[in-house]
Amino acid sequence: MSNAAPAGAAVTAPAGDPLAGAVPLESAEELREIMGTPWPLVIDKVHDRLTEADLDLLARAPFCAVSTSDADGNCDTSPRGGEPGFTQVLDARTLAMPDLPGNRRADSFQNILSNPHVGLLFLIPGVMTVLRINGRARILTDAPFFDAMAVKGRRPHLALVVEIDEIYLHCPASLKRSGLWAPDTWEGAPRSGAGPA
């Protein structure tokens, strides 16, 4: 088997400690000194009940990144997706997400069994608003609302239920900087101004 790096992969030659000379951040006070104080508007955007704007985003969102950690703090972020609105709103402080067929690793569920804290990040293609929800999760094996989460007639075997602690609408800066929703930045897309190959 060849040990050559795949075509196009960056190759870094070994050169001792890659963090030699690095200066670590040491305290929350130092962090605040560097970052400054959050604008009041940013703090005021945090809420703990779903608003009409939140409900609209959830109804349109086909994708969610679910972040969890186990009791020792080992982290995992897993993608979840489905038809827009695949996340069910049970009430203003409770969401349910079906477990749709995947790789069967169940990393998120394993973590939740020992640590219920979760972070959810909902994205809508082409929309610059990112909806973040933090809360505490439980895993259900059945509930009356499983019928509403059926996909092509198949009810989920499990559902992730999140009791909301905090909701926050992120500004679009990271999406703008990354060009995530700009088709001309997508891998393999023709660059503007480029002629035919």
N, C-alpha and C. Protein backbone atom coordinates (compact mmCIF):
# COMPACT_ATOMS: atom_id res chain seq x y z
N MET A 1 0.85 -1.19 0.00
CA MET A 1 0.00 0.00 0.00
C MET A 1 0.89 1.23 0.00
N SER A 2 0.59 2.21 -0.83
CA SER A 2 1.38 3.42 -0.93
C SER A 2 1.12 4.33 0.25
N ASN A 3 2.18 4.99 0.74
CA ASN A 3 2.05 5.97 1.80
C ASN A 3 1.99 7.39 1.26
N ALA A 4 1.92 7.53 -0.06
CA ALA A 4 1.87 8.86 -0.67
C ALA A 4 0.58 9.56 -0.30
N ALA A 5 0.68 10.88 -0.13
CA ALA A 5 -0.52 11.67 0.18
C ALA A 5 -1.40 11.74 -1.04
N PRO A 6 -2.73 11.79 -0.85
CA PRO A 6 -3.64 11.92 -1.98
C PRO A 6 -3.32 13.17 -2.79
N ALA A 7 -3.62 13.12 -4.08
CA ALA A 7 -3.40 14.28 -4.94
C ALA A 7 -4.13 15.49 -4.38
N GLY A 8 -3.44 16.61 -4.33
CA GLY A 8 -4.07 17.84 -3.85
C GLY A 8 -4.01 18.03 -2.36
N ALA A 9 -3.56 16.99 -1.59
CA ALA A 9 -3.52 17.11 -0.14
C ALA A 9 -2.29 17.90 0.27
N ALA A 10 -2.45 18.73 1.31
CA ALA A 10 -1.31 19.48 1.82
C ALA A 10 -0.40 18.53 2.59
N VAL A 11 0.89 18.66 2.39
CA VAL A 11 1.86 17.82 3.08
C VAL A 11 2.71 18.71 3.96
N THR A 12 2.76 18.39 5.26
CA THR A 12 3.58 19.16 6.19
C THR A 12 4.70 18.27 6.69
N ALA A 13 5.93 18.73 6.50
CA ALA A 13 7.08 17.95 6.96
C ALA A 13 7.14 18.01 8.48
N PRO A 14 7.51 16.87 9.13
CA PRO A 14 7.63 16.90 10.58
C PRO A 14 8.74 17.87 10.99
N ALA A 15 8.47 18.69 12.01
CA ALA A 15 9.47 19.68 12.43
C ALA A 15 9.35 19.95 13.92
N GLY A 16 9.47 18.94 14.75
CA GLY A 16 9.42 19.14 16.19
C GLY A 16 8.04 19.51 16.68
N ASP A 17 8.00 20.29 17.75
CA ASP A 17 6.73 20.69 18.37
C ASP A 17 6.04 21.75 17.50
N PRO A 18 4.86 21.44 16.94
CA PRO A 18 4.19 22.43 16.09
C PRO A 18 3.69 23.65 16.87
N LEU A 19 3.66 23.55 18.20
CA LEU A 19 3.20 24.69 19.01
C LEU A 19 4.34 25.42 19.70
N ALA A 20 5.57 25.13 19.27
CA ALA A 20 6.72 25.84 19.86
C ALA A 20 6.54 27.34 19.64
N GLY A 21 6.68 28.10 20.71
CA GLY A 21 6.55 29.55 20.62
C GLY A 21 5.13 30.07 20.73
N ALA A 22 4.15 29.16 20.83
CA ALA A 22 2.76 29.58 20.94
C ALA A 22 2.50 30.18 22.31
N VAL A 23 1.57 31.14 22.38
CA VAL A 23 1.23 31.80 23.64
C VAL A 23 -0.22 31.48 23.97
N PRO A 24 -0.46 30.64 24.98
CA PRO A 24 -1.84 30.27 25.30
C PRO A 24 -2.58 31.36 26.07
N LEU A 25 -3.89 31.40 25.87
CA LEU A 25 -4.77 32.26 26.66
C LEU A 25 -4.90 31.62 28.04
N GLU A 26 -4.80 32.41 29.10
CA GLU A 26 -4.73 31.83 30.44
C GLU A 26 -5.96 32.02 31.31
N SER A 27 -6.83 32.99 30.96
CA SER A 27 -7.93 33.28 31.88
C SER A 27 -9.11 33.90 31.15
N ALA A 28 -10.26 33.85 31.82
CA ALA A 28 -11.45 34.51 31.28
C ALA A 28 -11.25 36.02 31.24
N GLU A 29 -10.50 36.55 32.19
CA GLU A 29 -10.23 37.99 32.21
C GLU A 29 -9.40 38.41 31.00
N GLU A 30 -8.40 37.60 30.68
CA GLU A 30 -7.56 37.89 29.52
C GLU A 30 -8.39 37.80 28.24
N LEU A 31 -9.26 36.79 28.16
CA LEU A 31 -10.14 36.64 27.00
C LEU A 31 -11.00 37.89 26.82
N ARG A 32 -11.61 38.36 27.92
CA ARG A 32 -12.49 39.53 27.82
C ARG A 32 -11.70 40.78 27.45
N GLU A 33 -10.43 40.87 27.93
CA GLU A 33 -9.59 42.02 27.59
C GLU A 33 -9.31 42.05 26.09
N ILE A 34 -9.09 40.88 25.49
CA ILE A 34 -8.80 40.80 24.05
C ILE A 34 -10.08 41.01 23.23
N MET A 35 -11.16 40.37 23.62
CA MET A 35 -12.39 40.38 22.83
C MET A 35 -13.24 41.62 23.04
N GLY A 36 -13.11 42.22 24.23
CA GLY A 36 -13.97 43.34 24.56
C GLY A 36 -15.31 42.86 25.12
N THR A 37 -16.17 43.80 25.45
CA THR A 37 -17.48 43.49 26.04
C THR A 37 -18.51 43.32 24.94
N PRO A 38 -19.34 42.28 25.01
CA PRO A 38 -20.38 42.11 23.98
C PRO A 38 -21.32 43.31 23.96
N TRP A 39 -21.79 43.66 22.75
CA TRP A 39 -22.77 44.72 22.62
C TRP A 39 -24.06 44.30 23.33
N PRO A 40 -24.76 45.23 23.99
CA PRO A 40 -26.03 44.88 24.65
C PRO A 40 -27.01 44.18 23.71
N LEU A 41 -27.03 44.58 22.44
CA LEU A 41 -27.93 43.97 21.47
C LEU A 41 -27.68 42.47 21.35
N VAL A 42 -26.40 42.08 21.41
CA VAL A 42 -26.03 40.66 21.31
C VAL A 42 -26.56 39.90 22.51
N ILE A 43 -26.40 40.46 23.70
CA ILE A 43 -26.89 39.82 24.92
C ILE A 43 -28.41 39.73 24.90
N ASP A 44 -29.06 40.79 24.44
CA ASP A 44 -30.52 40.84 24.44
C ASP A 44 -31.16 39.86 23.46
N LYS A 45 -30.37 39.39 22.48
CA LYS A 45 -30.92 38.45 21.49
C LYS A 45 -31.14 37.06 22.07
N VAL A 46 -30.53 36.75 23.22
CA VAL A 46 -30.68 35.43 23.83
C VAL A 46 -32.06 35.32 24.46
N HIS A 47 -32.76 34.20 24.19
CA HIS A 47 -34.08 33.98 24.78
C HIS A 47 -34.27 32.49 25.03
N ASP A 48 -35.31 32.13 25.78
CA ASP A 48 -35.48 30.72 26.15
C ASP A 48 -36.81 30.12 25.69
N ARG A 49 -37.55 30.86 24.90
CA ARG A 49 -38.80 30.35 24.32
C ARG A 49 -38.81 30.65 22.83
N LEU A 50 -39.34 29.73 22.05
CA LEU A 50 -39.37 29.91 20.60
C LEU A 50 -40.28 31.06 20.21
N THR A 51 -39.75 31.95 19.39
CA THR A 51 -40.54 33.06 18.87
C THR A 51 -41.10 32.68 17.50
N GLU A 52 -41.92 33.56 16.94
CA GLU A 52 -42.45 33.32 15.59
C GLU A 52 -41.31 33.22 14.58
N ALA A 53 -40.28 34.06 14.74
CA ALA A 53 -39.13 34.01 13.82
C ALA A 53 -38.40 32.68 13.94
N ASP A 54 -38.23 32.18 15.18
CA ASP A 54 -37.58 30.89 15.39
C ASP A 54 -38.39 29.76 14.75
N LEU A 55 -39.70 29.81 14.95
CA LEU A 55 -40.58 28.77 14.40
C LEU A 55 -40.52 28.76 12.88
N ASP A 56 -40.44 29.94 12.28
CA ASP A 56 -40.34 30.03 10.83
C ASP A 56 -39.05 29.39 10.33
N LEU A 57 -37.92 29.65 11.03
CA LEU A 57 -36.64 29.05 10.64
C LEU A 57 -36.67 27.54 10.80
N LEU A 58 -37.22 27.05 11.90
CA LEU A 58 -37.29 25.60 12.12
C LEU A 58 -38.15 24.92 11.05
N ALA A 59 -39.22 25.58 10.64
CA ALA A 59 -40.10 25.00 9.62
C ALA A 59 -39.41 24.91 8.26
N ARG A 60 -38.39 25.72 8.04
CA ARG A 60 -37.70 25.75 6.76
C ARG A 60 -36.35 25.03 6.79
N ALA A 61 -35.88 24.65 7.97
CA ALA A 61 -34.53 24.09 8.10
C ALA A 61 -34.49 22.59 7.77
N PRO A 62 -33.66 22.19 6.77
CA PRO A 62 -33.50 20.78 6.44
C PRO A 62 -32.26 20.16 7.08
N PHE A 63 -31.49 20.99 7.84
CA PHE A 63 -30.21 20.49 8.35
C PHE A 63 -29.95 21.03 9.75
N CYS A 64 -29.36 20.15 10.59
CA CYS A 64 -28.99 20.55 11.94
C CYS A 64 -27.70 19.83 12.33
N ALA A 65 -26.76 20.57 12.92
CA ALA A 65 -25.57 19.96 13.53
C ALA A 65 -25.87 19.80 15.01
N VAL A 66 -25.71 18.57 15.52
CA VAL A 66 -26.01 18.27 16.92
C VAL A 66 -24.69 18.04 17.65
N SER A 67 -24.42 18.87 18.67
CA SER A 67 -23.18 18.75 19.44
C SER A 67 -23.48 18.21 20.83
N THR A 68 -22.69 17.20 21.23
CA THR A 68 -22.85 16.56 22.53
C THR A 68 -21.47 16.28 23.11
N SER A 69 -21.44 15.91 24.38
CA SER A 69 -20.19 15.41 24.97
C SER A 69 -20.55 14.38 26.02
N ASP A 70 -19.61 13.47 26.26
CA ASP A 70 -19.87 12.45 27.27
C ASP A 70 -19.55 13.00 28.66
N ALA A 71 -19.64 12.14 29.67
CA ALA A 71 -19.43 12.59 31.05
C ALA A 71 -18.01 13.08 31.28
N ASP A 72 -17.05 12.64 30.45
CA ASP A 72 -15.66 13.06 30.59
C ASP A 72 -15.32 14.28 29.73
N GLY A 73 -16.31 14.80 28.99
CA GLY A 73 -16.07 15.97 28.17
C GLY A 73 -15.60 15.68 26.76
N ASN A 74 -15.58 14.41 26.36
CA ASN A 74 -15.22 14.07 24.98
C ASN A 74 -16.37 14.46 24.06
N CYS A 75 -16.06 15.28 23.06
CA CYS A 75 -17.11 15.91 22.26
C CYS A 75 -17.37 15.21 20.93
N ASP A 76 -18.58 15.46 20.42
CA ASP A 76 -18.97 14.96 19.11
C ASP A 76 -19.96 15.95 18.51
N THR A 77 -19.81 16.20 17.22
CA THR A 77 -20.83 16.95 16.48
C THR A 77 -21.24 16.11 15.29
N SER A 78 -22.54 15.85 15.18
CA SER A 78 -23.05 14.98 14.13
C SER A 78 -24.10 15.72 13.30
N PRO A 79 -24.09 15.51 11.98
CA PRO A 79 -25.10 16.14 11.13
C PRO A 79 -26.42 15.38 11.16
N ARG A 80 -27.51 16.12 11.15
CA ARG A 80 -28.85 15.53 11.02
C ARG A 80 -29.57 16.28 9.92
N GLY A 81 -30.37 15.58 9.16
CA GLY A 81 -31.09 16.26 8.09
C GLY A 81 -32.34 15.52 7.69
N GLY A 82 -33.18 16.23 6.94
CA GLY A 82 -34.42 15.66 6.45
C GLY A 82 -35.15 16.70 5.63
N GLU A 83 -36.39 16.46 5.37
CA GLU A 83 -37.19 17.46 4.67
C GLU A 83 -37.28 18.71 5.54
N PRO A 84 -37.39 19.90 4.93
CA PRO A 84 -37.55 21.11 5.75
C PRO A 84 -38.66 20.92 6.78
N GLY A 85 -38.34 21.29 8.03
CA GLY A 85 -39.29 21.11 9.11
C GLY A 85 -39.24 19.73 9.74
N PHE A 86 -38.16 18.96 9.48
CA PHE A 86 -38.09 17.60 10.05
C PHE A 86 -38.02 17.63 11.58
N THR A 87 -37.62 18.74 12.16
CA THR A 87 -37.63 18.89 13.61
C THR A 87 -39.03 19.32 14.05
N GLN A 88 -39.61 18.54 14.95
CA GLN A 88 -40.96 18.83 15.43
C GLN A 88 -40.93 19.78 16.63
N VAL A 89 -41.79 20.76 16.63
CA VAL A 89 -41.93 21.66 17.77
C VAL A 89 -43.07 21.13 18.63
N LEU A 90 -42.74 20.71 19.86
CA LEU A 90 -43.76 20.17 20.76
C LEU A 90 -44.42 21.27 21.57
N ASP A 91 -43.63 22.26 21.98
CA ASP A 91 -44.17 23.48 22.58
C ASP A 91 -43.07 24.53 22.51
N ALA A 92 -43.29 25.68 23.13
CA ALA A 92 -42.36 26.81 22.98
C ALA A 92 -40.99 26.55 23.57
N ARG A 93 -40.85 25.46 24.35
CA ARG A 93 -39.55 25.16 24.95
C ARG A 93 -39.11 23.72 24.73
N THR A 94 -39.76 23.02 23.78
CA THR A 94 -39.43 21.61 23.57
C THR A 94 -39.44 21.25 22.09
N LEU A 95 -38.36 20.60 21.65
CA LEU A 95 -38.23 20.12 20.26
C LEU A 95 -38.07 18.62 20.25
N ALA A 96 -38.44 18.00 19.13
CA ALA A 96 -38.21 16.57 18.93
C ALA A 96 -37.63 16.36 17.54
N MET A 97 -36.57 15.55 17.48
CA MET A 97 -35.90 15.29 16.22
C MET A 97 -35.87 13.78 15.99
N PRO A 98 -36.42 13.29 14.88
CA PRO A 98 -36.43 11.85 14.64
C PRO A 98 -35.03 11.33 14.34
N ASP A 99 -34.78 10.10 14.73
CA ASP A 99 -33.52 9.44 14.33
C ASP A 99 -33.79 8.74 13.01
N LEU A 100 -33.28 9.31 11.94
CA LEU A 100 -33.48 8.74 10.61
C LEU A 100 -32.32 7.80 10.29
N PRO A 101 -32.51 6.86 9.32
CA PRO A 101 -31.47 5.88 9.03
C PRO A 101 -30.12 6.53 8.76
N GLY A 102 -29.07 5.98 9.36
CA GLY A 102 -27.73 6.52 9.19
C GLY A 102 -26.69 5.44 9.35
N ASN A 103 -25.55 5.80 9.95
CA ASN A 103 -24.44 4.86 10.04
C ASN A 103 -24.48 3.95 11.27
N ARG A 104 -25.45 4.15 12.14
CA ARG A 104 -25.66 3.33 13.34
C ARG A 104 -24.58 3.49 14.41
N ARG A 105 -23.73 4.49 14.29
CA ARG A 105 -22.71 4.70 15.33
C ARG A 105 -23.35 5.15 16.64
N ALA A 106 -24.36 6.00 16.55
CA ALA A 106 -25.09 6.49 17.73
C ALA A 106 -24.21 7.26 18.70
N ASP A 107 -23.19 7.98 18.18
CA ASP A 107 -22.29 8.73 19.06
C ASP A 107 -23.05 9.74 19.91
N SER A 108 -23.96 10.50 19.28
CA SER A 108 -24.72 11.50 20.03
C SER A 108 -25.54 10.86 21.13
N PHE A 109 -26.22 9.79 20.79
CA PHE A 109 -27.07 9.12 21.78
C PHE A 109 -26.24 8.54 22.92
N GLN A 110 -25.10 7.95 22.61
CA GLN A 110 -24.22 7.42 23.67
C GLN A 110 -23.82 8.54 24.62
N ASN A 111 -23.47 9.69 24.07
CA ASN A 111 -23.08 10.81 24.92
C ASN A 111 -24.25 11.29 25.78
N ILE A 112 -25.42 11.42 25.19
CA ILE A 112 -26.58 11.94 25.92
C ILE A 112 -26.96 11.04 27.09
N LEU A 113 -26.71 9.75 26.97
CA LEU A 113 -27.02 8.83 28.07
C LEU A 113 -26.22 9.16 29.33
N SER A 114 -25.05 9.81 29.15
CA SER A 114 -24.25 10.16 30.33
C SER A 114 -24.19 11.67 30.59
N ASN A 115 -24.57 12.47 29.58
CA ASN A 115 -24.54 13.92 29.74
C ASN A 115 -25.63 14.51 28.85
N PRO A 116 -26.70 15.04 29.42
CA PRO A 116 -27.85 15.46 28.60
C PRO A 116 -27.67 16.78 27.85
N HIS A 117 -26.62 17.52 28.10
CA HIS A 117 -26.47 18.85 27.49
C HIS A 117 -26.15 18.73 26.00
N VAL A 118 -26.91 19.48 25.19
CA VAL A 118 -26.72 19.46 23.74
C VAL A 118 -26.72 20.87 23.18
N GLY A 119 -26.08 21.01 22.02
CA GLY A 119 -26.14 22.25 21.27
C GLY A 119 -26.60 21.93 19.85
N LEU A 120 -27.55 22.68 19.34
CA LEU A 120 -28.09 22.46 18.00
C LEU A 120 -27.82 23.69 17.15
N LEU A 121 -27.41 23.47 15.90
CA LEU A 121 -27.18 24.59 14.98
C LEU A 121 -27.96 24.29 13.71
N PHE A 122 -29.00 25.08 13.44
CA PHE A 122 -29.87 24.86 12.29
C PHE A 122 -29.47 25.78 11.14
N LEU A 123 -29.36 25.19 9.93
CA LEU A 123 -29.00 25.93 8.73
C LEU A 123 -30.05 25.72 7.65
N ILE A 124 -30.28 26.79 6.88
CA ILE A 124 -31.17 26.73 5.72
C ILE A 124 -30.36 27.17 4.51
N PRO A 125 -30.22 26.32 3.48
CA PRO A 125 -29.43 26.70 2.31
C PRO A 125 -29.86 28.06 1.75
N GLY A 126 -28.88 28.93 1.57
CA GLY A 126 -29.15 30.23 0.99
C GLY A 126 -29.59 31.29 1.97
N VAL A 127 -29.89 30.91 3.20
CA VAL A 127 -30.37 31.86 4.21
C VAL A 127 -29.21 32.19 5.15
N MET A 128 -29.02 33.47 5.42
CA MET A 128 -27.86 33.91 6.19
C MET A 128 -28.04 33.84 7.71
N THR A 129 -29.21 33.51 8.18
CA THR A 129 -29.44 33.40 9.62
C THR A 129 -29.14 31.98 10.10
N VAL A 130 -28.41 31.87 11.20
CA VAL A 130 -28.11 30.58 11.82
C VAL A 130 -28.82 30.54 13.17
N LEU A 131 -29.62 29.52 13.38
CA LEU A 131 -30.38 29.37 14.63
C LEU A 131 -29.65 28.40 15.55
N ARG A 132 -29.25 28.90 16.72
CA ARG A 132 -28.56 28.05 17.71
C ARG A 132 -29.50 27.80 18.89
N ILE A 133 -29.61 26.55 19.29
CA ILE A 133 -30.43 26.18 20.44
C ILE A 133 -29.60 25.29 21.36
N ASN A 134 -29.48 25.67 22.62
CA ASN A 134 -28.82 24.85 23.62
C ASN A 134 -29.87 24.35 24.61
N GLY A 135 -29.68 23.13 25.08
CA GLY A 135 -30.64 22.59 26.03
C GLY A 135 -30.22 21.25 26.58
N ARG A 136 -31.20 20.54 27.13
CA ARG A 136 -30.97 19.22 27.72
C ARG A 136 -31.83 18.20 26.99
N ALA A 137 -31.21 17.08 26.66
CA ALA A 137 -31.87 16.10 25.79
C ALA A 137 -32.21 14.80 26.50
N ARG A 138 -33.25 14.18 25.98
CA ARG A 138 -33.62 12.81 26.35
C ARG A 138 -33.83 12.03 25.07
N ILE A 139 -33.70 10.73 25.16
CA ILE A 139 -33.94 9.85 24.01
C ILE A 139 -35.21 9.06 24.29
N LEU A 140 -36.15 9.14 23.37
CA LEU A 140 -37.41 8.41 23.52
C LEU A 140 -37.46 7.24 22.53
N THR A 141 -38.07 6.13 22.97
CA THR A 141 -38.26 4.99 22.08
C THR A 141 -39.66 4.98 21.48
N ASP A 142 -40.55 5.81 22.01
CA ASP A 142 -41.89 5.94 21.42
C ASP A 142 -42.59 7.13 22.07
N ALA A 143 -43.54 7.67 21.35
CA ALA A 143 -44.39 8.76 21.83
C ALA A 143 -45.46 8.98 20.78
N PRO A 144 -46.60 9.57 21.16
CA PRO A 144 -47.66 9.79 20.17
C PRO A 144 -47.21 10.60 18.96
N PHE A 145 -46.26 11.53 19.14
CA PHE A 145 -45.83 12.38 18.01
C PHE A 145 -44.90 11.67 17.04
N PHE A 146 -44.52 10.40 17.32
CA PHE A 146 -43.68 9.65 16.37
C PHE A 146 -44.39 9.50 15.02
N ASP A 147 -45.71 9.40 15.04
CA ASP A 147 -46.45 9.26 13.78
C ASP A 147 -46.21 10.45 12.86
N ALA A 148 -46.15 11.64 13.43
CA ALA A 148 -45.95 12.85 12.63
C ALA A 148 -44.54 12.94 12.08
N MET A 149 -43.61 12.14 12.62
CA MET A 149 -42.22 12.18 12.16
C MET A 149 -41.90 11.05 11.19
N ALA A 150 -42.91 10.29 10.80
CA ALA A 150 -42.67 9.18 9.87
C ALA A 150 -42.17 9.70 8.52
N VAL A 151 -41.23 8.98 7.93
CA VAL A 151 -40.69 9.31 6.61
C VAL A 151 -40.99 8.15 5.67
N LYS A 152 -41.72 8.42 4.61
CA LYS A 152 -42.13 7.39 3.65
C LYS A 152 -42.82 6.23 4.37
N GLY A 153 -43.67 6.58 5.32
CA GLY A 153 -44.46 5.59 6.03
C GLY A 153 -43.74 4.88 7.16
N ARG A 154 -42.46 5.20 7.39
CA ARG A 154 -41.69 4.52 8.45
C ARG A 154 -41.54 5.43 9.65
N ARG A 155 -42.05 4.95 10.80
CA ARG A 155 -41.89 5.70 12.04
C ARG A 155 -40.45 5.55 12.53
N PRO A 156 -39.88 6.59 13.15
CA PRO A 156 -38.53 6.44 13.70
C PRO A 156 -38.54 5.48 14.88
N HIS A 157 -37.41 4.81 15.10
CA HIS A 157 -37.29 3.94 16.28
C HIS A 157 -36.94 4.74 17.52
N LEU A 158 -36.28 5.89 17.31
CA LEU A 158 -35.86 6.74 18.41
C LEU A 158 -36.10 8.20 18.04
N ALA A 159 -36.21 9.03 19.05
CA ALA A 159 -36.28 10.48 18.82
C ALA A 159 -35.49 11.19 19.90
N LEU A 160 -34.85 12.28 19.50
CA LEU A 160 -34.12 13.13 20.42
C LEU A 160 -35.05 14.27 20.82
N VAL A 161 -35.34 14.38 22.12
CA VAL A 161 -36.20 15.44 22.62
C VAL A 161 -35.34 16.42 23.40
N VAL A 162 -35.43 17.69 23.02
CA VAL A 162 -34.59 18.72 23.65
C VAL A 162 -35.46 19.73 24.38
N GLU A 163 -35.18 19.88 25.68
CA GLU A 163 -35.81 20.93 26.47
C GLU A 163 -34.90 22.15 26.39
N ILE A 164 -35.43 23.24 25.87
CA ILE A 164 -34.62 24.41 25.51
C ILE A 164 -34.21 25.22 26.74
N ASP A 165 -32.90 25.53 26.80
CA ASP A 165 -32.38 26.45 27.80
C ASP A 165 -32.10 27.83 27.20
N GLU A 166 -31.62 27.84 25.95
CA GLU A 166 -31.17 29.09 25.36
C GLU A 166 -31.33 29.05 23.84
N ILE A 167 -31.80 30.15 23.28
CA ILE A 167 -31.95 30.29 21.83
C ILE A 167 -31.22 31.55 21.42
N TYR A 168 -30.51 31.45 20.30
CA TYR A 168 -29.74 32.61 19.83
C TYR A 168 -29.69 32.61 18.31
N LEU A 169 -29.94 33.76 17.71
CA LEU A 169 -29.82 33.91 16.26
C LEU A 169 -28.47 34.54 15.95
N HIS A 170 -27.61 33.76 15.29
CA HIS A 170 -26.27 34.24 14.95
C HIS A 170 -26.34 35.24 13.79
N CYS A 171 -25.43 36.19 13.80
CA CYS A 171 -25.32 37.10 12.67
C CYS A 171 -24.72 36.34 11.49
N PRO A 172 -24.86 36.86 10.28
CA PRO A 172 -24.43 36.13 9.09
C PRO A 172 -22.94 36.24 8.75
N ALA A 173 -22.13 36.84 9.63
CA ALA A 173 -20.74 37.12 9.28
C ALA A 173 -19.97 35.88 8.83
N SER A 174 -20.10 34.78 9.57
CA SER A 174 -19.31 33.58 9.21
C SER A 174 -19.76 33.00 7.88
N LEU A 175 -21.06 33.04 7.59
CA LEU A 175 -21.55 32.52 6.31
C LEU A 175 -21.09 33.41 5.16
N LYS A 176 -21.06 34.72 5.38
CA LYS A 176 -20.60 35.63 4.34
C LYS A 176 -19.11 35.42 4.08
N ARG A 177 -18.32 35.34 5.16
CA ARG A 177 -16.87 35.17 4.99
C ARG A 177 -16.53 33.86 4.28
N SER A 178 -17.27 32.81 4.62
CA SER A 178 -16.97 31.49 4.04
C SER A 178 -17.48 31.34 2.61
N GLY A 179 -18.46 32.18 2.23
CA GLY A 179 -19.07 32.02 0.92
C GLY A 179 -19.87 30.73 0.81
N LEU A 180 -20.31 30.22 1.95
CA LEU A 180 -20.97 28.91 1.97
C LEU A 180 -22.14 28.80 1.01
N TRP A 181 -22.93 29.87 0.90
CA TRP A 181 -24.11 29.82 0.05
C TRP A 181 -23.88 30.46 -1.32
N ALA A 182 -22.64 30.83 -1.63
CA ALA A 182 -22.34 31.45 -2.93
C ALA A 182 -21.90 30.36 -3.90
N PRO A 183 -22.73 30.02 -4.90
CA PRO A 183 -22.40 28.90 -5.80
C PRO A 183 -21.03 29.00 -6.45
N ASP A 184 -20.54 30.22 -6.70
CA ASP A 184 -19.24 30.30 -7.37
C ASP A 184 -18.08 29.95 -6.45
N THR A 185 -18.35 29.74 -5.14
CA THR A 185 -17.29 29.30 -4.22
C THR A 185 -17.31 27.78 -4.02
N TRP A 186 -18.32 27.11 -4.55
CA TRP A 186 -18.43 25.67 -4.32
C TRP A 186 -17.34 24.93 -5.08
N GLU A 187 -16.88 23.85 -4.51
CA GLU A 187 -15.82 23.06 -5.13
C GLU A 187 -16.24 22.59 -6.51
N GLY A 188 -15.38 22.83 -7.50
CA GLY A 188 -15.68 22.42 -8.87
C GLY A 188 -16.46 23.43 -9.67
N ALA A 189 -16.94 24.51 -9.00
CA ALA A 189 -17.72 25.51 -9.73
C ALA A 189 -16.79 26.36 -10.58
N PRO A 190 -17.23 26.75 -11.78
CA PRO A 190 -16.41 27.64 -12.61
C PRO A 190 -16.27 28.98 -11.93
N ARG A 191 -15.06 29.53 -11.93
CA ARG A 191 -14.80 30.83 -11.31
C ARG A 191 -15.29 31.94 -12.23
N SER A 192 -15.82 32.98 -11.65
CA SER A 192 -16.31 34.09 -12.47
C SER A 192 -15.15 34.69 -13.24
N GLY A 193 -15.39 34.96 -14.51
CA GLY A 193 -14.35 35.52 -15.37
C GLY A 193 -13.49 34.48 -16.05
N ALA A 194 -13.64 33.22 -15.61
CA ALA A 194 -12.84 32.16 -16.22
C ALA A 194 -13.45 31.76 -17.55
N GLY A 195 -12.64 31.58 -18.53
CA GLY A 195 -13.13 31.16 -19.83
C GLY A 195 -13.29 29.66 -19.90
N PRO A 196 -13.74 29.11 -21.00
CA PRO A 196 -13.88 27.67 -21.12
C PRO A 196 -12.55 26.98 -21.06
N ALA A 197 -12.55 25.77 -20.50
CA ALA A 197 -11.31 25.01 -20.33
C ALA A 197 -10.80 24.57 -21.69
